Protein backbone atom coordinates (compact mmCIF):
# COMPACT_ATOMS: atom_id res chain seq x y z
CA UNK A 1 15.71 185.64 17.50
CA UNK A 2 17.51 182.44 17.74
CA UNK A 3 17.40 182.02 21.63
CA UNK A 4 13.62 183.05 21.56
CA UNK A 5 12.44 180.71 19.01
CA UNK A 6 14.92 177.97 20.90
CA UNK A 7 13.27 178.51 24.39
CA UNK A 8 9.66 178.92 22.59
CA UNK A 9 7.73 175.80 23.25
CA UNK A 10 7.00 173.58 20.27
CA UNK A 11 4.79 170.73 19.32
CA UNK A 12 5.80 168.63 16.30
CA UNK A 13 2.96 167.69 14.83
CA UNK A 14 4.44 166.10 10.93
CA UNK A 15 7.68 163.59 12.13
CA UNK A 16 8.18 160.34 10.26
CA UNK A 17 10.39 158.77 12.98
CA UNK A 18 12.20 156.53 10.63
CA UNK A 19 13.40 159.62 9.00
CA UNK A 20 15.02 160.98 11.89
CA UNK A 21 17.50 157.96 11.45
CA UNK A 22 21.07 160.11 11.39
CA UNK A 23 24.06 158.52 9.26
CA UNK A 24 25.74 157.90 12.59
CA UNK A 25 23.15 155.57 14.35
CA UNK A 26 22.34 154.45 10.46
CA UNK A 27 26.00 152.95 10.66
CA UNK A 28 25.88 151.93 14.49
CA UNK A 29 22.85 149.93 14.05
CA UNK A 30 24.27 148.36 10.96
CA UNK A 31 27.42 147.24 12.61
CA UNK A 32 24.84 145.91 15.57
CA UNK A 33 22.83 143.93 13.03
CA UNK A 34 25.38 143.28 10.18
CA UNK A 35 24.00 145.20 7.52
CA UNK A 36 25.87 146.22 4.94
CA UNK A 37 25.23 149.98 3.61
CA UNK A 38 26.00 150.82 0.02
CA UNK A 39 27.73 153.76 1.84
CA UNK A 40 31.58 154.06 3.05
CA UNK A 41 31.26 156.39 5.81
CA UNK A 42 29.03 159.14 7.37
CA UNK A 43 30.26 161.89 5.08
CA UNK A 44 29.53 159.65 2.14
CA UNK A 45 25.72 158.83 3.14
CA UNK A 46 25.03 162.47 3.97
CA UNK A 47 26.52 163.52 0.58
CA UNK A 48 23.67 160.91 -1.14
CA UNK A 49 20.64 163.55 0.59
CA UNK A 50 20.56 165.11 -2.59
CA UNK A 51 17.09 164.41 -4.16
CA UNK A 52 15.56 165.23 -6.89
CA UNK A 53 11.74 164.60 -6.17
CA UNK A 54 9.93 162.68 -3.49
CA UNK A 55 10.51 159.52 -4.95
CA UNK A 56 14.10 159.61 -4.67
CA UNK A 57 14.15 160.67 -1.69
CA UNK A 58 11.58 157.25 -0.68
CA UNK A 59 14.32 154.92 -2.33
CA UNK A 60 17.07 155.96 0.15
CA UNK A 61 14.40 156.36 3.16
CA UNK A 62 13.35 152.91 2.66
CA UNK A 63 17.55 152.08 2.32
CA UNK A 64 17.69 153.46 5.63
CA UNK A 65 15.19 151.66 7.04
CA UNK A 66 17.01 148.34 6.39
CA UNK A 67 19.25 148.40 9.65
CA UNK A 68 16.13 149.07 11.85
CA UNK A 69 15.54 145.10 13.21
CA UNK A 70 14.94 144.79 17.01
CA UNK A 71 12.86 146.69 19.66
CA UNK A 72 15.75 147.98 20.97
CA UNK A 73 16.76 149.36 17.41
CA UNK A 74 13.48 151.38 17.50
CA UNK A 75 13.77 151.83 21.20
CA UNK A 76 17.21 153.81 20.33
CA UNK A 77 15.77 155.52 17.01
CA UNK A 78 13.02 157.33 18.81
CA UNK A 79 15.10 158.47 21.84
CA UNK A 80 17.82 159.52 19.45
CA UNK A 81 15.17 162.16 18.23
CA UNK A 82 13.91 162.48 21.20
CA UNK A 83 16.58 163.95 22.70
CA UNK A 84 17.51 166.11 19.43
CA UNK A 85 14.02 168.28 20.12
CA UNK A 86 13.97 168.33 23.59
CA UNK A 87 17.54 170.28 22.78
CA UNK A 88 15.47 172.24 20.40
CA UNK A 89 12.61 173.34 22.78
CA UNK A 90 10.23 170.91 21.05
CA UNK A 91 7.75 169.64 24.66
CA UNK A 92 5.56 167.30 22.24
CA UNK A 93 6.02 164.73 19.23
CA UNK A 94 3.84 163.29 16.77
CA UNK A 95 5.49 160.68 15.26
CA UNK A 96 4.22 158.74 11.83
CA UNK A 97 5.81 155.40 11.42
CA UNK A 98 5.10 153.27 8.52
CA UNK A 99 4.37 149.49 9.55
CA UNK A 100 4.30 148.02 5.91
CA UNK A 101 8.04 149.28 5.24
CA UNK A 102 9.10 146.69 7.93
CA UNK A 103 6.82 143.95 7.24
CA UNK A 104 8.15 143.67 4.07
CA UNK A 105 11.97 143.15 5.30
CA UNK A 106 10.29 140.57 7.99
CA UNK A 107 10.13 143.13 11.20
CA UNK A 108 6.51 142.10 12.69
CA UNK A 109 4.62 144.99 14.37
CA UNK A 110 5.10 143.96 17.47
CA UNK A 111 8.69 144.69 17.47
CA UNK A 112 7.86 148.22 16.38
CA UNK A 113 5.06 148.92 18.80
CA UNK A 114 7.10 147.59 21.77
CA UNK A 115 10.38 149.82 21.09
CA UNK A 116 8.46 152.89 19.76
CA UNK A 117 6.14 152.37 23.38
CA UNK A 118 9.21 152.33 25.22
CA UNK A 119 11.24 155.20 23.98
CA UNK A 120 7.92 157.03 24.37
CA UNK A 121 7.38 156.22 28.29
CA UNK A 122 11.12 157.04 28.97
CA UNK A 123 10.78 160.54 27.41
CA UNK A 124 8.26 161.34 29.01
CA UNK A 125 9.59 160.45 32.08
CA UNK A 126 13.29 161.29 31.73
CA UNK A 127 12.66 164.94 29.02
CA UNK A 128 9.03 165.72 30.05
CA UNK A 129 8.17 165.45 26.50
CA UNK A 130 4.92 163.97 25.80
CA UNK A 131 4.35 162.19 22.60
CA UNK A 132 1.83 160.95 19.89
CA UNK A 133 1.67 157.96 17.48
CA UNK A 134 -0.02 158.03 14.31
CA UNK A 135 0.40 154.94 11.99
CA UNK A 136 0.67 155.10 8.52
CA UNK A 137 -0.49 153.38 5.29
CA UNK A 138 1.55 153.29 2.32
CA UNK A 139 -0.25 154.56 -0.48
CA UNK A 140 1.40 153.10 -2.97
CA UNK A 141 0.49 149.79 -2.01
CA UNK A 142 -2.77 148.62 -2.08
CA UNK A 143 -6.10 149.25 0.41
CA UNK A 144 -6.13 145.46 0.98
CA UNK A 145 -2.84 145.72 2.33
CA UNK A 146 -3.70 149.27 4.74
CA UNK A 147 -7.15 147.22 5.86
CA UNK A 148 -4.81 144.18 6.89
CA UNK A 149 -2.59 146.52 8.66
CA UNK A 150 -5.39 148.09 10.36
CA UNK A 151 -6.84 144.77 11.24
CA UNK A 152 -3.63 143.28 11.91
CA UNK A 153 -3.07 146.11 14.55
CA UNK A 154 -6.18 145.74 16.55
CA UNK A 155 -4.09 144.44 19.81
CA UNK A 156 -2.61 148.44 19.59
CA UNK A 157 -5.80 150.63 18.91
CA UNK A 158 -5.74 152.18 21.99
CA UNK A 159 -2.20 153.19 21.44
CA UNK A 160 -2.82 154.70 18.19
CA UNK A 161 -3.84 158.51 18.48
CA UNK A 162 -4.22 158.44 14.41
CA UNK A 163 -4.03 157.07 11.60
CA UNK A 164 -2.44 158.60 8.17
CA UNK A 165 -1.22 158.04 4.99
CA UNK A 166 1.94 158.77 3.30
CA UNK A 167 4.58 157.49 0.37
CA UNK A 168 4.49 158.61 -3.01
CA UNK A 169 1.47 161.01 -3.63
CA UNK A 170 1.80 160.78 -7.68
CA UNK A 171 -1.07 158.57 -8.74
CA UNK A 172 -2.44 157.63 -5.39
CA UNK A 173 -5.27 159.55 -4.62
CA UNK A 174 -6.91 159.30 -1.09
CA UNK A 175 -10.19 158.02 -2.70
CA UNK A 176 -8.37 154.70 -3.13
CA UNK A 177 -8.34 154.33 1.12
CA UNK A 178 -11.97 155.49 1.39
CA UNK A 179 -12.84 152.01 3.19
CA UNK A 180 -9.83 152.10 5.26
CA UNK A 181 -10.55 155.52 6.56
CA UNK A 182 -14.26 154.58 7.67
CA UNK A 183 -12.93 151.61 9.31
CA UNK A 184 -10.97 153.61 11.37
CA UNK A 185 -13.46 156.13 12.01
CA UNK A 186 -15.63 153.35 12.98
CA UNK A 187 -13.28 152.31 15.67
CA UNK A 188 -13.14 155.87 17.03
CA UNK A 189 -9.66 156.45 15.92
CA UNK A 190 -8.69 159.86 14.36
CA UNK A 191 -7.42 159.99 10.86
CA UNK A 192 -5.06 162.43 8.84
CA UNK A 193 -3.35 162.30 5.54
CA UNK A 194 -0.75 164.00 3.26
CA UNK A 195 -2.07 165.52 0.44
CA UNK A 196 -1.11 168.89 -1.82
CA UNK A 197 2.66 168.09 -1.61
CA UNK A 198 3.28 166.44 -5.06
CA UNK A 199 0.00 165.50 -5.58
CA UNK A 200 -2.97 168.51 -6.85
CA UNK A 201 -5.03 170.56 -4.52
CA UNK A 202 -7.73 168.15 -5.64
CA UNK A 203 -6.32 165.53 -3.25
CA UNK A 204 -6.62 167.97 -0.43
CA UNK A 205 -10.31 168.23 -1.47
CA UNK A 206 -10.66 164.35 -1.34
CA UNK A 207 -8.90 163.63 1.83
CA UNK A 208 -11.51 166.14 3.48
CA UNK A 209 -14.36 164.94 1.71
CA UNK A 210 -13.62 161.06 1.53
CA UNK A 211 -11.03 160.19 4.38
CA UNK A 212 -12.76 162.71 6.78
CA UNK A 213 -9.49 163.73 8.07
CA UNK A 214 -8.83 166.36 10.89
CA UNK A 215 -5.80 167.73 9.85
CA UNK A 216 -3.74 167.94 6.48
CA UNK A 217 -0.30 166.83 6.35
CA UNK A 218 1.84 169.71 4.12
CA UNK A 219 -1.21 170.97 1.79
CA UNK A 220 0.90 173.79 0.15
CA UNK A 221 -1.01 173.23 -3.29
CA UNK A 222 -4.24 174.57 -1.83
CA UNK A 223 -3.54 177.99 -3.09
CA UNK A 224 -4.11 176.48 -6.54
CA UNK A 225 -7.64 176.36 -5.46
CA UNK A 226 -8.97 179.53 -4.29
CA UNK A 227 -12.30 177.81 -2.73
CA UNK A 228 -10.40 175.28 -1.22
CA UNK A 229 -8.61 177.84 0.57
CA UNK A 230 -11.75 179.50 1.72
CA UNK A 231 -13.37 176.06 2.60
CA UNK A 232 -9.97 175.51 4.83
CA UNK A 233 -10.11 178.78 6.49
CA UNK A 234 -13.57 178.66 7.53
CA UNK A 235 -13.41 174.75 8.45
CA UNK A 236 -10.03 175.91 10.69
CA UNK A 237 -8.37 173.14 9.43
CA UNK A 238 -4.43 172.53 10.00
CA UNK A 239 -1.97 172.12 7.57
CA UNK A 240 1.18 170.82 9.33
CA UNK A 241 3.46 172.35 6.69
CA UNK A 242 7.38 171.05 6.50
CA UNK A 243 9.24 174.14 4.81
CA UNK A 244 13.24 172.47 4.58
CA UNK A 245 11.17 169.53 3.43
CA UNK A 246 9.50 171.46 0.72
CA UNK A 247 12.67 173.11 -0.60
CA UNK A 248 14.92 169.40 -0.73
CA UNK A 249 11.91 168.14 -2.40
CA UNK A 250 11.58 170.45 -5.19
CA UNK A 251 7.96 171.31 -4.23
CA UNK A 252 9.48 174.73 -4.56
CA UNK A 253 13.40 175.92 -5.13
CA UNK A 254 14.17 177.98 -2.56
CA UNK A 255 12.79 179.10 1.03
CA UNK A 256 11.73 182.56 0.26
CA UNK A 257 9.24 181.07 -2.66
CA UNK A 258 7.53 178.81 0.07
CA UNK A 259 4.18 179.54 0.04
CA UNK A 260 3.59 180.07 3.76
CA UNK A 261 3.45 183.77 3.90
CA UNK A 262 0.34 183.24 1.44
CA UNK A 263 -1.33 180.74 3.60
CA UNK A 264 -1.04 182.76 6.17
CA UNK A 265 -2.28 186.12 4.67
CA UNK A 266 -5.34 183.68 3.44
CA UNK A 267 -5.97 183.22 7.47
CA UNK A 268 -5.31 179.20 7.12
CA UNK A 269 -3.80 177.63 10.85
CA UNK A 270 -0.70 176.69 9.71
CA UNK A 271 2.31 174.43 11.69
CA UNK A 272 5.61 174.00 11.44
CA UNK A 273 7.48 170.79 11.61
CA UNK A 274 10.28 168.96 10.23
CA UNK A 275 9.11 165.98 8.16
CA UNK A 276 12.32 163.62 7.95
CA UNK A 277 14.67 165.89 9.49
CA UNK A 278 17.80 163.51 9.22
CA UNK A 279 17.52 164.32 5.24
CA UNK A 280 15.95 167.68 4.86
CA UNK A 281 18.27 169.80 6.42
CA UNK A 282 17.24 169.44 10.69
CA UNK A 283 14.83 169.48 13.10
CA UNK A 284 11.64 171.79 13.73
CA UNK A 285 14.04 174.78 15.19
CA UNK A 286 16.28 174.50 11.80
CA UNK A 287 12.75 175.32 10.24
CA UNK A 288 11.42 178.10 12.57
CA UNK A 289 14.93 179.50 11.80
CA UNK A 290 14.81 178.82 8.31
CA UNK A 291 11.16 181.14 8.13
CA UNK A 292 12.53 183.57 10.08
CA UNK A 293 15.35 184.46 8.21
CA UNK A 294 13.32 183.88 4.42
CA UNK A 295 10.34 186.35 6.07
CA UNK A 296 11.80 188.08 8.38
CA UNK A 297 8.41 187.32 11.04
CA UNK A 298 7.90 188.56 14.33
CA UNK A 299 8.08 186.61 17.80
CA UNK A 300 3.96 187.22 17.39
CA UNK A 301 4.27 185.17 14.10
CA UNK A 302 6.20 182.56 15.64
CA UNK A 303 3.59 182.23 18.55
CA UNK A 304 0.52 182.00 17.00
CA UNK A 305 2.03 179.04 15.03
CA UNK A 306 3.75 177.70 17.90
CA UNK A 307 -0.06 177.94 19.67
CA UNK A 308 -1.53 176.30 16.55
CA UNK A 309 0.12 173.64 17.31
CA UNK A 310 -0.38 172.66 20.52
CA UNK A 311 -4.33 173.44 20.11
CA UNK A 312 -3.86 171.04 17.18
CA UNK A 313 -1.62 168.58 18.80
CA UNK A 314 -3.24 164.79 20.09
CA UNK A 315 -3.23 165.09 23.78
CA UNK A 316 -5.29 164.94 26.77
CA UNK A 317 -7.07 168.32 27.86
CA UNK A 318 -4.82 168.59 31.36
CA UNK A 319 -1.69 167.98 28.81
CA UNK A 320 -3.18 170.54 26.25
CA UNK A 321 -3.62 172.89 29.37
CA UNK A 322 -0.04 172.29 30.75
CA UNK A 323 1.49 173.29 27.10
CA UNK A 324 -0.51 176.27 27.05
CA UNK A 325 0.85 177.61 30.19
CA UNK A 326 4.27 176.74 29.05
CA UNK A 327 3.65 178.91 26.00
CA UNK A 328 2.13 181.67 27.82
CA UNK A 329 5.12 181.32 30.76
CA UNK A 330 7.88 181.78 27.69
CA UNK A 331 7.05 184.92 26.57
């Protein structure tokens, strides 16, 4: 099964590129930029990746970002992940990125955009790996800051495949960002949002009704609301589920307790993603393998999940047709 899952063409729809920063690269960039880390070694850094909840992860996540300073740094960050993902059979990657977390460190938006754009071009040329860019707003900051970022990003609107909403969910409902998402809609930018990870099922409903999103990131707590489950099924809404992340952040205690089988049984469209692979135990392939071990799914189930990701990806129709052919040829 491992060989099959490796060659299966996989599209990753839920990745935070800053969360792909492996300790080895973190230390290399810290040396390059003369940043002092709180860890004495790569091993000590990995040992710190033991989280009690989302906030404990975010504290370390933002600390890791401190080594990212230049266009070259963001290029190296993205290419490091693209190469790993390509080796795991990933054919398309959709990157969330967090400009606000860099701006508070004095790293301006053009630095981030140039580095990621350069990596995207090289990955497509060298690896045949396509990608999309999702500019995320930090929900634990106020809506005015998000609106300011959206305005500042005007020179890059055509580069954005979507805007998103991430960071600490509790106490920061989607309703907080209605005006920002309405403006993005007027600009013709698609919208996605994290909801129903640590926050309640009601946040998923808010993201649908108030933010008019086309995908829900996570969404696993939808099962608390049967009417919401029926709505998600009837509307064909895609959930970008991250099982290893959910285990590491204590959304569930064990992978065997994950609600993915119930989501599929309810007829929901789910995809498998890595979220923050450097911190949560591996990339997309590791998430596929973990589900195979936990749920003993057959090949047809994984083909269905991979196909859902291709259909929900932010790609051109020409690229989607190519990915469909690739999926068909692989099986």
